[in-house]
C-alpha atoms as a PDB file:
ATOM      1  CA  UNK A   1     -18.904   3.882  -0.892  1.00  0.00           C
ATOM      2  CA  UNK A   2     -18.807   4.933  -4.836  1.00  0.00           C
ATOM      3  CA  UNK A   3     -17.186   2.670  -7.288  1.00  0.00           C
ATOM      4  CA  UNK A   4     -15.351   3.825 -10.366  1.00  0.00           C
ATOM      5  CA  UNK A   5     -16.515   4.154 -14.001  1.00  0.00           C
ATOM      6  CA  UNK A   6     -14.337   1.048 -14.896  1.00  0.00           C
ATOM      7  CA  UNK A   7     -16.129  -1.039 -12.263  1.00  0.00           C
ATOM      8  CA  UNK A   8     -18.220  -3.584 -14.146  1.00  0.00           C
ATOM      9  CA  UNK A   9     -19.079  -6.248 -11.396  1.00  0.00           C
ATOM     10  CA  UNK A  10     -19.773  -6.779  -7.876  1.00  0.00           C
ATOM     11  CA  UNK A  11     -17.863  -8.420  -5.293  1.00  0.00           C
ATOM     12  CA  UNK A  12     -20.812 -10.977  -5.405  1.00  0.00           C
ATOM     13  CA  UNK A  13     -20.036 -11.556  -9.043  1.00  0.00           C
ATOM     14  CA  UNK A  14     -16.315 -12.036  -8.605  1.00  0.00           C
ATOM     15  CA  UNK A  15     -16.848 -14.283  -5.785  1.00  0.00           C
ATOM     16  CA  UNK A  16     -19.286 -16.558  -7.777  1.00  0.00           C
ATOM     17  CA  UNK A  17     -16.946 -16.601 -10.776  1.00  0.00           C
ATOM     18  CA  UNK A  18     -13.958 -17.653  -8.659  1.00  0.00           C
ATOM     19  CA  UNK A  19     -16.136 -20.551  -6.998  1.00  0.00           C
ATOM     20  CA  UNK A  20     -16.532 -21.933 -10.560  1.00  0.00           C
ATOM     21  CA  UNK A  21     -12.742 -22.029 -11.004  1.00  0.00           C
ATOM     22  CA  UNK A  22      -9.662 -23.611  -9.717  1.00  0.00           C
ATOM     23  CA  UNK A  23      -5.785 -23.004 -10.093  1.00  0.00           C
ATOM     24  CA  UNK A  24      -6.288 -19.411  -8.804  1.00  0.00           C
ATOM     25  CA  UNK A  25      -3.308 -16.924  -8.745  1.00  0.00           C
ATOM     26  CA  UNK A  26      -3.717 -14.028  -6.424  1.00  0.00           C
ATOM     27  CA  UNK A  27      -1.248 -11.074  -7.002  1.00  0.00           C
ATOM     28  CA  UNK A  28      -0.606  -7.664  -5.587  1.00  0.00           C
ATOM     29  CA  UNK A  29       1.603  -4.713  -6.501  1.00  0.00           C
ATOM     30  CA  UNK A  30       5.334  -4.409  -6.570  1.00  0.00           C
ATOM     31  CA  UNK A  31       6.971  -3.312  -3.319  1.00  0.00           C
ATOM     32  CA  UNK A  32       4.093  -5.005  -1.346  1.00  0.00           C
ATOM     33  CA  UNK A  33       2.713  -3.371   1.932  1.00  0.00           C
ATOM     34  CA  UNK A  34       0.260  -4.454   4.552  1.00  0.00           C
ATOM     35  CA  UNK A  35      -2.707  -3.993   2.691  1.00  0.00           C
ATOM     36  CA  UNK A  36      -1.542  -5.741  -0.321  1.00  0.00           C
ATOM     37  CA  UNK A  37      -0.019  -8.927   1.365  1.00  0.00           C
ATOM     38  CA  UNK A  38      -3.161  -8.889   3.881  1.00  0.00           C
ATOM     39  CA  UNK A  39      -5.519  -8.779   1.166  1.00  0.00           C
ATOM     40  CA  UNK A  40      -3.701 -11.558  -0.684  1.00  0.00           C
ATOM     41  CA  UNK A  41      -3.479 -13.824   2.150  1.00  0.00           C
ATOM     42  CA  UNK A  42      -6.809 -13.108   3.609  1.00  0.00           C
ATOM     43  CA  UNK A  43      -8.572 -14.260   0.123  1.00  0.00           C
ATOM     44  CA  UNK A  44      -6.139 -17.166  -0.215  1.00  0.00           C
ATOM     45  CA  UNK A  45      -7.074 -18.711   3.113  1.00  0.00           C
ATOM     46  CA  UNK A  46     -10.823 -18.255   2.252  1.00  0.00           C
ATOM     47  CA  UNK A  47     -10.639 -19.781  -1.341  1.00  0.00           C
ATOM     48  CA  UNK A  48      -8.542 -22.799  -0.002  1.00  0.00           C
ATOM     49  CA  UNK A  49     -11.062 -23.467   2.678  1.00  0.00           C
ATOM     50  CA  UNK A  50     -13.650 -23.624  -0.307  1.00  0.00           C
ATOM     51  CA  UNK A  51     -11.402 -26.526  -1.831  1.00  0.00           C
ATOM     52  CA  UNK A  52      -9.880 -24.320  -4.447  1.00  0.00           C
ATOM     53  CA  UNK A  53      -6.072 -24.473  -5.537  1.00  0.00           C
ATOM     54  CA  UNK A  54      -4.475 -21.046  -4.825  1.00  0.00           C
ATOM     55  CA  UNK A  55      -1.123 -19.591  -5.303  1.00  0.00           C
ATOM     56  CA  UNK A  56      -0.182 -16.432  -3.587  1.00  0.00           C
ATOM     57  CA  UNK A  57       2.294 -14.719  -5.983  1.00  0.00           C
ATOM     58  CA  UNK A  58       4.823 -11.744  -5.516  1.00  0.00           C
ATOM     59  CA  UNK A  59       4.732  -9.176  -8.474  1.00  0.00           C
ATOM     60  CA  UNK A  60       8.736  -9.178  -8.374  1.00  0.00           C
ATOM     61  CA  UNK A  61      11.001 -12.132  -8.733  1.00  0.00           C
ATOM     62  CA  UNK A  62      13.472 -10.514  -6.081  1.00  0.00           C
ATOM     63  CA  UNK A  63      10.625  -8.826  -4.014  1.00  0.00           C
ATOM     64  CA  UNK A  64      11.376  -8.342  -0.350  1.00  0.00           C
ATOM     65  CA  UNK A  65       8.765  -8.364   2.465  1.00  0.00           C
ATOM     66  CA  UNK A  66       8.745  -6.034   5.454  1.00  0.00           C
ATOM     67  CA  UNK A  67       9.953  -8.155   8.372  1.00  0.00           C
ATOM     68  CA  UNK A  68       6.986  -6.491  10.315  1.00  0.00           C
ATOM     69  CA  UNK A  69       4.528  -8.542   8.475  1.00  0.00           C
ATOM     70  CA  UNK A  70       6.297 -11.899   8.730  1.00  0.00           C
ATOM     71  CA  UNK A  71       3.781 -12.920  11.448  1.00  0.00           C
ATOM     72  CA  UNK A  72       0.907 -13.144   8.941  1.00  0.00           C
ATOM     73  CA  UNK A  73      -0.287 -16.592   8.514  1.00  0.00           C
ATOM     74  CA  UNK A  74       0.793 -18.025   5.067  1.00  0.00           C
ATOM     75  CA  UNK A  75       3.168 -15.484   4.278  1.00  0.00           C
ATOM     76  CA  UNK A  76       5.813 -18.137   3.862  1.00  0.00           C
ATOM     77  CA  UNK A  77       3.780 -19.554   1.243  1.00  0.00           C
ATOM     78  CA  UNK A  78       4.122 -16.401  -1.060  1.00  0.00           C
ATOM     79  CA  UNK A  79       6.201 -17.327  -4.264  1.00  0.00           C
ATOM     80  CA  UNK A  80       8.064 -15.430  -7.071  1.00  0.00           C
ATOM     81  CA  UNK A  81       6.166 -15.563 -10.284  1.00  0.00           C
ATOM     82  CA  UNK A  82       8.574 -17.986 -11.727  1.00  0.00           C
ATOM     83  CA  UNK A  83       7.628 -20.660  -9.133  1.00  0.00           C
ATOM     84  CA  UNK A  84       4.141 -20.657 -10.773  1.00  0.00           C
ATOM     85  CA  UNK A  85       4.168 -22.919 -13.597  1.00  0.00           C
ATOM     86  CA  UNK A  86       0.467 -23.006 -14.355  1.00  0.00           C
ATOM     87  CA  UNK A  87      -2.138 -23.661 -15.332  1.00  0.00           C
ATOM     88  CA  UNK A  88      -3.672 -20.316 -14.384  1.00  0.00           C
ATOM     89  CA  UNK A  89      -7.396 -20.868 -14.220  1.00  0.00           C
ATOM     90  CA  UNK A  90      -7.933 -17.419 -12.713  1.00  0.00           C
ATOM     91  CA  UNK A  91      -5.713 -14.287 -11.956  1.00  0.00           C
ATOM     92  CA  UNK A  92      -7.018 -11.980  -9.295  1.00  0.00           C
ATOM     93  CA  UNK A  93      -5.132  -8.739  -8.907  1.00  0.00           C
ATOM     94  CA  UNK A  94      -5.693  -7.342  -5.269  1.00  0.00           C
ATOM     95  CA  UNK A  95      -4.599  -3.517  -4.327  1.00  0.00           C
ATOM     96  CA  UNK A  96      -3.163  -3.117  -7.865  1.00  0.00           C
ATOM     97  CA  UNK A  97      -4.900  -1.335 -10.649  1.00  0.00           C
ATOM     98  CA  UNK A  98      -2.697  -2.027 -13.825  1.00  0.00           C
ATOM     99  CA  UNK A  99      -0.518  -4.500 -15.389  1.00  0.00           C
ATOM    100  CA  UNK A 100       2.490  -2.219 -14.969  1.00  0.00           C
ATOM    101  CA  UNK A 101       2.212  -2.622 -11.154  1.00  0.00           C
ATOM    102  CA  UNK A 102       2.324  -6.445 -11.165  1.00  0.00           C
ATOM    103  CA  UNK A 103       5.740  -6.391 -12.473  1.00  0.00           C
ATOM    104  CA  UNK A 104       7.086  -9.827 -13.396  1.00  0.00           C
ATOM    105  CA  UNK A 105       3.678 -11.701 -12.711  1.00  0.00           C
ATOM    106  CA  UNK A 106       2.495  -9.939 -15.776  1.00  0.00           C
ATOM    107  CA  UNK A 107       2.961 -13.371 -17.616  1.00  0.00           C
ATOM    108  CA  UNK A 108       0.869 -15.237 -15.323  1.00  0.00           C
ATOM    109  CA  UNK A 109      -1.825 -12.542 -15.806  1.00  0.00           C
ATOM    110  CA  UNK A 110      -1.450 -12.928 -19.690  1.00  0.00           C
ATOM    111  CA  UNK A 111      -1.839 -16.554 -19.448  1.00  0.00           C
ATOM    112  CA  UNK A 112      -4.842 -16.806 -17.416  1.00  0.00           C
ATOM    113  CA  UNK A 113      -8.127 -17.926 -18.438  1.00  0.00           C
ATOM    114  CA  UNK A 114     -10.110 -15.500 -16.447  1.00  0.00           C
ATOM    115  CA  UNK A 115      -8.945 -12.250 -14.723  1.00  0.00           C
ATOM    116  CA  UNK A 116     -10.493 -10.077 -11.812  1.00  0.00           C
ATOM    117  CA  UNK A 117      -9.531  -6.987  -9.928  1.00  0.00           C
ATOM    118  CA  UNK A 118     -10.421  -6.062  -6.451  1.00  0.00           C
ATOM    119  CA  UNK A 119      -9.125  -2.536  -5.414  1.00  0.00           C
ATOM    120  CA  UNK A 120      -9.286   1.055  -3.984  1.00  0.00           C
ATOM    121  CA  UNK A 121      -7.044   2.880  -6.450  1.00  0.00           C
ATOM    122  CA  UNK A 122      -9.031   4.919  -9.230  1.00  0.00           C
ATOM    123  CA  UNK A 123      -7.220   4.956 -12.439  1.00  0.00           C
ATOM    124  CA  UNK A 124      -8.698   5.601 -15.864  1.00  0.00           C
ATOM    125  CA  UNK A 125      -7.745   2.032 -17.152  1.00  0.00           C
ATOM    126  CA  UNK A 126      -8.232  -1.499 -16.197  1.00  0.00           C
ATOM    127  CA  UNK A 127      -6.568  -5.021 -16.522  1.00  0.00           C
ATOM    128  CA  UNK A 128      -9.395  -7.258 -15.944  1.00  0.00           C
ATOM    129  CA  UNK A 129     -12.421  -8.875 -17.369  1.00  0.00           C
ATOM    130  CA  UNK A 130     -14.344  -8.335 -14.039  1.00  0.00           C
ATOM    131  CA  UNK A 131     -13.460  -5.215 -11.970  1.00  0.00           C
ATOM    132  CA  UNK A 132     -14.345  -3.977  -8.509  1.00  0.00           C
ATOM    133  CA  UNK A 133     -12.631  -0.697  -7.655  1.00  0.00           C
ATOM    134  CA  UNK A 134     -13.898   1.530  -4.863  1.00  0.00           C
ATOM    135  CA  UNK A 135     -11.695   4.342  -4.182  1.00  0.00           C
ATOM    136  CA  UNK A 136     -13.676   5.356  -1.031  1.00  0.00           C
ATOM    137  CA  UNK A 137     -12.996   1.840   0.819  1.00  0.00           C
ATOM    138  CA  UNK A 138     -10.175   2.673   3.278  1.00  0.00           C
ATOM    139  CA  UNK A 139      -8.158  -0.468   2.143  1.00  0.00           C
ATOM    140  CA  UNK A 140      -8.476  -3.189  -0.216  1.00  0.00           C
ATOM    141  CA  UNK A 141      -8.571  -5.626   2.780  1.00  0.00           C
ATOM    142  CA  UNK A 142     -12.003  -4.072   3.581  1.00  0.00           C
ATOM    143  CA  UNK A 143     -13.297  -5.232   0.266  1.00  0.00           C
ATOM    144  CA  UNK A 144     -11.717  -8.459   0.484  1.00  0.00           C
ATOM    145  CA  UNK A 145     -13.380  -8.915   4.065  1.00  0.00           C
ATOM    146  CA  UNK A 146     -16.630  -7.964   2.557  1.00  0.00           C
ATOM    147  CA  UNK A 147     -16.239 -10.530  -0.178  1.00  0.00           C
ATOM    148  CA  UNK A 148     -15.187 -13.391   2.047  1.00  0.00           C
ATOM    149  CA  UNK A 149     -17.848 -12.957   4.782  1.00  0.00           C
ATOM    150  CA  UNK A 150     -20.731 -11.886   2.356  1.00  0.00           C
ATOM    151  CA  UNK A 151     -20.308 -14.302  -0.878  1.00  0.00           C
ATOM    152  CA  UNK A 152     -18.452 -17.202   0.191  1.00  0.00           C
ATOM    153  CA  UNK A 153     -19.378 -20.044   2.100  1.00  0.00           C
ATOM    154  CA  UNK A 154     -19.182 -19.875   5.893  1.00  0.00           C
ATOM    155  CA  UNK A 155     -15.764 -20.663   7.227  1.00  0.00           C
ATOM    156  CA  UNK A 156     -14.597 -22.711  10.334  1.00  0.00           C
ATOM    157  CA  UNK A 157     -13.402 -20.735  13.203  1.00  0.00           C
ATOM    158  CA  UNK A 158      -9.856 -21.195  12.557  1.00  0.00           C
ATOM    159  CA  UNK A 159      -9.926 -20.134   8.985  1.00  0.00           C
ATOM    160  CA  UNK A 160     -11.947 -17.231   9.585  1.00  0.00           C
ATOM    161  CA  UNK A 161      -9.583 -15.920  12.516  1.00  0.00           C
ATOM    162  CA  UNK A 162      -6.642 -16.233   9.792  1.00  0.00           C
ATOM    163  CA  UNK A 163      -8.588 -14.298   7.175  1.00  0.00           C
ATOM    164  CA  UNK A 164      -9.717 -11.915   9.882  1.00  0.00           C
ATOM    165  CA  UNK A 165      -5.952 -11.436  11.209  1.00  0.00           C
ATOM    166  CA  UNK A 166      -4.722 -10.741   7.354  1.00  0.00           C
ATOM    167  CA  UNK A 167      -7.501  -8.397   6.724  1.00  0.00           C
ATOM    168  CA  UNK A 168      -7.131  -6.412   9.836  1.00  0.00           C
ATOM    169  CA  UNK A 169      -3.616  -5.894   9.348  1.00  0.00           C
ATOM    170  CA  UNK A 170      -4.199  -4.480   5.763  1.00  0.00           C
ATOM    171  CA  UNK A 171      -6.799  -2.176   7.216  1.00  0.00           C
ATOM    172  CA  UNK A 172      -4.665  -0.997  10.132  1.00  0.00           C
ATOM    173  CA  UNK A 173      -1.582  -0.272   7.971  1.00  0.00           C
ATOM    174  CA  UNK A 174      -3.606   1.532   5.248  1.00  0.00           C
ATOM    175  CA  UNK A 175      -5.461   3.423   7.766  1.00  0.00           C
ATOM    176  CA  UNK A 176      -2.333   4.293   9.713  1.00  0.00           C
ATOM    177  CA  UNK A 177      -3.493   2.684  12.758  1.00  0.00           C
ATOM    178  CA  UNK A 178      -6.862   4.460  12.152  1.00  0.00           C
ATOM    179  CA  UNK A 179      -5.254   7.722  12.203  1.00  0.00           C
ATOM    180  CA  UNK A 180      -5.374   8.691   8.519  1.00  0.00           C
ATOM    181  CA  UNK A 181      -8.205  10.654   6.771  1.00  0.00           C
ATOM    182  CA  UNK A 182      -9.643   7.360   5.276  1.00  0.00           C
ATOM    183  CA  UNK A 183     -10.742   6.169   8.622  1.00  0.00           C
ATOM    184  CA  UNK A 184     -14.484   5.936   8.689  1.00  0.00           C
ATOM    185  CA  UNK A 185     -17.408   4.211  10.024  1.00  0.00           C
ATOM    186  CA  UNK A 186     -17.324   1.480   7.513  1.00  0.00           C
ATOM    187  CA  UNK A 187     -13.657   0.641   8.385  1.00  0.00           C
ATOM    188  CA  UNK A 188     -14.296   0.806  12.118  1.00  0.00           C
ATOM    189  CA  UNK A 189     -17.369  -1.528  11.838  1.00  0.00           C
ATOM    190  CA  UNK A 190     -15.309  -4.076   9.677  1.00  0.00           C
ATOM    191  CA  UNK A 191     -12.415  -3.758  12.172  1.00  0.00           C
ATOM    192  CA  UNK A 192     -14.859  -4.746  14.881  1.00  0.00           C
ATOM    193  CA  UNK A 193     -16.193  -7.673  12.922  1.00  0.00           C
ATOM    194  CA  UNK A 194     -12.589  -8.814  12.333  1.00  0.00           C
ATOM    195  CA  UNK A 195     -11.488  -8.541  15.895  1.00  0.00           C
ATOM    196  CA  UNK A 196     -14.553 -10.584  16.902  1.00  0.00           C
ATOM    197  CA  UNK A 197     -13.572 -13.362  14.403  1.00  0.00           C
ATOM    198  CA  UNK A 198     -10.275 -13.638  15.909  1.00  0.00           C
ATOM    199  CA  UNK A 199      -7.951 -10.603  14.739  1.00  0.00           C
ATOM    200  CA  UNK A 200      -5.553  -9.853  17.596  1.00  0.00           C
ATOM    201  CA  UNK A 201      -5.120  -5.951  17.486  1.00  0.00           C
ATOM    202  CA  UNK A 202      -2.346  -5.591  20.201  1.00  0.00           C
ATOM    203  CA  UNK A 203      -0.479  -8.492  18.446  1.00  0.00           C
ATOM    204  CA  UNK A 204      -0.830  -6.473  14.952  1.00  0.00           C
ATOM    205  CA  UNK A 205       0.347  -3.301  16.793  1.00  0.00           C
ATOM    206  CA  UNK A 206       3.194  -5.063  18.253  1.00  0.00           C
ATOM    207  CA  UNK A 207       4.550  -6.805  15.150  1.00  0.00           C
ATOM    208  CA  UNK A 208       4.096  -4.151  12.424  1.00  0.00           C
ATOM    209  CA  UNK A 209       4.386  -0.879  14.567  1.00  0.00           C
ATOM    210  CA  UNK A 210       6.478  -1.629  17.627  1.00  0.00           C
ATOM    211  CA  UNK A 211       9.277  -3.802  16.307  1.00  0.00           C
ATOM    212  CA  UNK A 212      11.318  -1.590  14.242  1.00  0.00           C
ATOM    213  CA  UNK A 213      14.981  -2.437  13.661  1.00  0.00           C
ATOM    214  CA  UNK A 214      17.418  -0.065  15.143  1.00  0.00           C
ATOM    215  CA  UNK A 215      18.859   0.748  11.578  1.00  0.00           C
ATOM    216  CA  UNK A 216      15.300   2.230  10.878  1.00  0.00           C
ATOM    217  CA  UNK A 217      15.441   4.333  13.969  1.00  0.00           C
ATOM    218  CA  UNK A 218      18.879   5.614  13.109  1.00  0.00           C
ATOM    219  CA  UNK A 219      17.560   6.310   9.507  1.00  0.00           C
ATOM    220  CA  UNK A 220      14.673   8.409  11.025  1.00  0.00           C
ATOM    221  CA  UNK A 221      17.157  10.376  13.126  1.00  0.00           C
ATOM    222  CA  UNK A 222      18.938  11.445   9.568  1.00  0.00           C
ATOM    223  CA  UNK A 223      15.677  12.270   8.143  1.00  0.00           C
ATOM    224  CA  UNK A 224      14.593  14.408  11.115  1.00  0.00           C
ATOM    225  CA  UNK A 225      17.874  16.193  10.986  1.00  0.00           C
ATOM    226  CA  UNK A 226      17.288  17.014   7.335  1.00  0.00           C
ATOM    227  CA  UNK A 227      13.822  18.475   7.364  1.00  0.00           C
ATOM    228  CA  UNK A 228      13.312  21.276   5.140  1.00  0.00           C
ATOM    229  CA  UNK A 229      10.121  23.452   5.554  1.00  0.00           C
ATOM    230  CA  UNK A 230       8.337  25.699   3.255  1.00  0.00           C
ATOM    231  CA  UNK A 231       5.200  27.762   2.868  1.00  0.00           C
ATOM    232  CA  UNK A 232       5.306  28.970   6.567  1.00  0.00           C
ATOM    233  CA  UNK A 233       5.670  25.444   7.813  1.00  0.00           C
ATOM    234  CA  UNK A 234       2.752  23.900   5.715  1.00  0.00           C
ATOM    235  CA  UNK A 235       5.038  21.617   3.493  1.00  0.00           C
ATOM    236  CA  UNK A 236       8.148  19.641   4.686  1.00  0.00           C
ATOM    237  CA  UNK A 237      10.428  17.308   2.852  1.00  0.00           C
ATOM    238  CA  UNK A 238      13.512  15.177   3.737  1.00  0.00           C
ATOM    239  CA  UNK A 239      15.635  12.595   2.233  1.00  0.00           C
ATOM    240  CA  UNK A 240      17.974   9.607   2.757  1.00  0.00           C
ATOM    241  CA  UNK A 241      20.598   8.537   0.271  1.00  0.00           C
ATOM    242  CA  UNK A 242      22.258   5.190  -0.657  1.00  0.00           C
ATOM    243  CA  UNK A 243      25.095   6.327   1.470  1.00  0.00           C
ATOM    244  CA  UNK A 244      22.907   6.202   4.521  1.00  0.00           C
ATOM    245  CA  UNK A 245      21.442   2.872   3.771  1.00  0.00           C
ATOM    246  CA  UNK A 246      25.023   1.418   3.381  1.00  0.00           C
ATOM    247  CA  UNK A 247      26.445   3.266   6.357  1.00  0.00           C
ATOM    248  CA  UNK A 248      23.646   2.246   8.684  1.00  0.00           C
ATOM    249  CA  UNK A 249      23.103  -1.221   7.306  1.00  0.00           C
ATOM    250  CA  UNK A 250      19.508  -0.414   6.658  1.00  0.00           C
ATOM    251  CA  UNK A 251      17.233  -1.870   4.081  1.00  0.00           C
ATOM    252  CA  UNK A 252      14.356  -0.413   2.033  1.00  0.00           C
ATOM    253  CA  UNK A 253      11.629  -1.515   4.585  1.00  0.00           C
ATOM    254  CA  UNK A 254      13.396   0.519   7.409  1.00  0.00           C
ATOM    255  CA  UNK A 255      12.745   3.739   5.338  1.00  0.00           C
ATOM    256  CA  UNK A 256       8.899   3.130   5.432  1.00  0.00           C
ATOM    257  CA  UNK A 257       8.053   4.678   8.733  1.00  0.00           C
ATOM    258  CA  UNK A 258       9.981   7.837   7.994  1.00  0.00           C
ATOM    259  CA  UNK A 259       7.405   9.819   6.139  1.00  0.00           C
ATOM    260  CA  UNK A 260       5.221   9.478   9.440  1.00  0.00           C
ATOM    261  CA  UNK A 261       7.640  11.354  11.459  1.00  0.00           C
ATOM    262  CA  UNK A 262       7.712  14.278   9.005  1.00  0.00           C
ATOM    263  CA  UNK A 263       3.836  14.431   8.733  1.00  0.00           C
ATOM    264  CA  UNK A 264       3.389  14.546  12.767  1.00  0.00           C
ATOM    265  CA  UNK A 265       4.954  18.102  13.019  1.00  0.00           C
ATOM    266  CA  UNK A 266       2.429  20.570  14.037  1.00  0.00           C
ATOM    267  CA  UNK A 267       1.558  22.997  11.070  1.00  0.00           C
ATOM    268  CA  UNK A 268       2.562  20.604   8.297  1.00  0.00           C
ATOM    269  CA  UNK A 269      -0.135  19.933   5.983  1.00  0.00           C
ATOM    270  CA  UNK A 270       1.809  17.935   3.275  1.00  0.00           C
ATOM    271  CA  UNK A 271       5.012  15.961   3.665  1.00  0.00           C
ATOM    272  CA  UNK A 272       7.300  14.098   1.417  1.00  0.00           C
ATOM    273  CA  UNK A 273      10.062  11.602   2.008  1.00  0.00           C
ATOM    274  CA  UNK A 274      12.818  11.048  -0.903  1.00  0.00           C
ATOM    275  CA  UNK A 275      14.996   7.890  -0.784  1.00  0.00           C
ATOM    276  CA  UNK A 276      17.660   6.842  -3.214  1.00  0.00           C
ATOM    277  CA  UNK A 277      16.459   3.261  -4.495  1.00  0.00           C
ATOM    278  CA  UNK A 278      18.179   1.318  -7.237  1.00  0.00           C
ATOM    279  CA  UNK A 279      18.756   3.782 -10.100  1.00  0.00           C
ATOM    280  CA  UNK A 280      16.015   6.117  -8.963  1.00  0.00           C
ATOM    281  CA  UNK A 281      14.664   8.401  -6.240  1.00  0.00           C
ATOM    282  CA  UNK A 282      11.453   6.921  -4.623  1.00  0.00           C
ATOM    283  CA  UNK A 283       9.168   9.802  -3.145  1.00  0.00           C
ATOM    284  CA  UNK A 284       6.300   9.196  -0.933  1.00  0.00           C
ATOM    285  CA  UNK A 285       3.743  11.979  -0.356  1.00  0.00           C
ATOM    286  CA  UNK A 286       1.140  12.381   2.517  1.00  0.00           C
ATOM    287  CA  UNK A 287      -1.470  15.022   3.535  1.00  0.00           C
ATOM    288  CA  UNK A 288      -3.081  15.735   6.753  1.00  0.00           C
ATOM    289  CA  UNK A 289      -5.747  17.660   5.267  1.00  0.00           C
ATOM    290  CA  UNK A 290      -7.901  17.532   1.990  1.00  0.00           C
ATOM    291  CA  UNK A 291      -4.780  18.567  -0.133  1.00  0.00           C
ATOM    292  CA  UNK A 292      -4.587  16.277  -2.961  1.00  0.00           C
ATOM    293  CA  UNK A 293      -1.173  14.889  -3.354  1.00  0.00           C
ATOM    294  CA  UNK A 294      -1.904  12.396  -5.848  1.00  0.00           C
ATOM    295  CA  UNK A 295      -2.271  15.269  -8.282  1.00  0.00           C
ATOM    296  CA  UNK A 296       1.501  16.154  -7.842  1.00  0.00           C
ATOM    297  CA  UNK A 297       2.573  12.532  -7.813  1.00  0.00           C
ATOM    298  CA  UNK A 298       0.741  12.254 -11.312  1.00  0.00           C
ATOM    299  CA  UNK A 299       2.816  15.257 -12.608  1.00  0.00           C
ATOM    300  CA  UNK A 300       5.891  13.157 -11.834  1.00  0.00           C
ATOM    301  CA  UNK A 301       4.592   9.892 -13.398  1.00  0.00           C
ATOM    302  CA  UNK A 302       3.152   8.216 -10.015  1.00  0.00           C
ATOM    303  CA  UNK A 303      -0.093   8.040  -8.635  1.00  0.00           C
ATOM    304  CA  UNK A 304      -2.068   6.946  -5.631  1.00  0.00           C
ATOM    305  CA  UNK A 305      -4.787   8.449  -3.221  1.00  0.00           C
ATOM    306  CA  UNK A 306      -5.706  11.871  -2.395  1.00  0.00           C
ATOM    307  CA  UNK A 307      -3.988  11.734   0.951  1.00  0.00           C
ATOM    308  CA  UNK A 308      -1.217   9.148   0.161  1.00  0.00           C
ATOM    309  CA  UNK A 309       0.692   8.927  -3.061  1.00  0.00           C
ATOM    310  CA  UNK A 310       4.143   7.838  -4.691  1.00  0.00           C
ATOM    311  CA  UNK A 311       6.250   8.573  -7.585  1.00  0.00           C
ATOM    312  CA  UNK A 312      10.044   7.898  -8.854  1.00  0.00           C
ATOM    313  CA  UNK A 313      12.468  10.473  -9.951  1.00  0.00           C
ATOM    314  CA  UNK A 314      15.755  10.071 -11.385  1.00  0.00           C
ATOM    315  CA  UNK A 315      18.704  12.532 -11.401  1.00  0.00           C
ATOM    316  CA  UNK A 316      20.575  14.164  -8.535  1.00  0.00           C
ATOM    317  CA  UNK A 317      18.891  13.931  -5.068  1.00  0.00           C
ATOM    318  CA  UNK A 318      19.687  17.247  -3.785  1.00  0.00           C
ATOM    319  CA  UNK A 319      18.386  18.911  -6.835  1.00  0.00           C
ATOM    320  CA  UNK A 320      15.212  16.898  -7.077  1.00  0.00           C
ATOM    321  CA  UNK A 321      14.522  17.490  -3.148  1.00  0.00           C
ATOM    322  CA  UNK A 322      14.824  21.243  -4.166  1.00  0.00           C
ATOM    323  CA  UNK A 323      12.403  21.150  -6.888  1.00  0.00           C
ATOM    324  CA  UNK A 324       9.869  18.756  -5.068  1.00  0.00           C
ATOM    325  CA  UNK A 325       9.978  20.995  -2.025  1.00  0.00           C
ATOM    326  CA  UNK A 326       8.981  24.063  -4.355  1.00  0.00           C
ATOM    327  CA  UNK A 327       6.206  22.043  -5.908  1.00  0.00           C
ATOM    328  CA  UNK A 328       5.019  21.218  -2.548  1.00  0.00           C
ATOM    329  CA  UNK A 329       5.019  24.590  -1.590  1.00  0.00           C
ATOM    330  CA  UNK A 330       2.754  25.724  -4.610  1.00  0.00           C
ATOM    331  CA  UNK A 331       0.366  22.882  -3.974  1.00  0.00           C
ATOM    332  CA  UNK A 332      -0.482  24.051  -0.314  1.00  0.00           C
ATOM    333  CA  UNK A 333      -0.151  27.807  -0.782  1.00  0.00           C
ATOM    334  CA  UNK A 334      -0.750  28.532  -4.710  1.00  0.00           C
ATOM    335  CA  UNK A 335      -1.992  32.015  -4.080  1.00  0.00           C
ATOM    336  CA  UNK A 336       1.351  33.069  -2.416  1.00  0.00           C
ATOM    337  CA  UNK A 337       3.454  31.176  -5.064  1.00  0.00           C
ATOM    338  CA  UNK A 338       4.229  28.570  -2.371  1.00  0.00           C
ATOM    339  CA  UNK A 339       5.987  30.799  -0.136  1.00  0.00           C
ATOM    340  CA  UNK A 340      10.080  30.709   0.316  1.00  0.00           C
ATOM    341  CA  UNK A 341      11.631  27.467   1.040  1.00  0.00           C
ATOM    342  CA  UNK A 342      13.434  27.314   4.385  1.00  0.00           C
ATOM    343  CA  UNK A 343      16.843  25.921   4.880  1.00  0.00           C
ATOM    344  CA  UNK A 344      17.957  22.608   6.138  1.00  0.00           C
ATOM    345  CA  UNK A 345      16.769  21.976   9.793  1.00  0.00           C
ATOM    346  CA  UNK A 346      15.076  25.589   9.919  1.00  0.00           C
ATOM    347  CA  UNK A 347      12.260  24.057  12.206  1.00  0.00           C
ATOM    348  CA  UNK A 348      14.341  22.213  14.755  1.00  0.00           C
END
């Protein structure tokens, strides 16, 4: 594993500093996913077992949590920033690289006596005094697990099992059930340790991946119907609109699995899923090979990892879909100008 140039501490350094402090706030990014929430909760359980007062804070006042993650121990204790009145002896950002991504919780970060970051997103800036960022780590939960098991006092069996379940969930979700390119020997070894400590892989699979709402499945049917391909089938894009959400009774979390249906098509190298959200259009990018989709996301003002990134656009959904598909085509086949984008549903 290789840390970023912004890294100025070890996980041991961060652990020792947290053990010196109290009134610790742990926060992740806006629109929290399994790795974000799993990392927060795993670290919180461990620090509380060490006698620390800990608050797990959501980044947004009106944040919604994917129902598939409701089984995580301690998730009912997550609070909005306004519910945390302080003092803030320490603010730990997990799975989040910048102040902009902690949303409404930025005021808590500003009020903290000490700040730390544990993350796997490589960005050229930092928001904390002590920083540990390893972009080679499959998930932030992997780093939290290393910190907890390597640098904190030994935990009793019950607490260790809770930490393991939360960390395993973060690792399983960020590796796509250990199917993505970031699945490596290090994360599989850690997953084995987590299972030995009490994580239940079958339960995680059942709760997270096998409990979709019917509205989500129907939303996926819309996305599949609209698939548009380019560059001889190497790039694919689809979209869902506000009207789709309203008609089907779907919520934002119901759209999260849709990108996986697109990337599963044979021959596809990169996939993009667009969804109208609030006043903008949220885009998710995935690659099945070494194509760097984060480079395209950054062009749109977003970011992420080489194989998984996101961005937000504004304007007409159809116009943006056409433009993004052309950029996807150029990304996978630049020497051929990306090839001609095929029409709606042409690969059905």
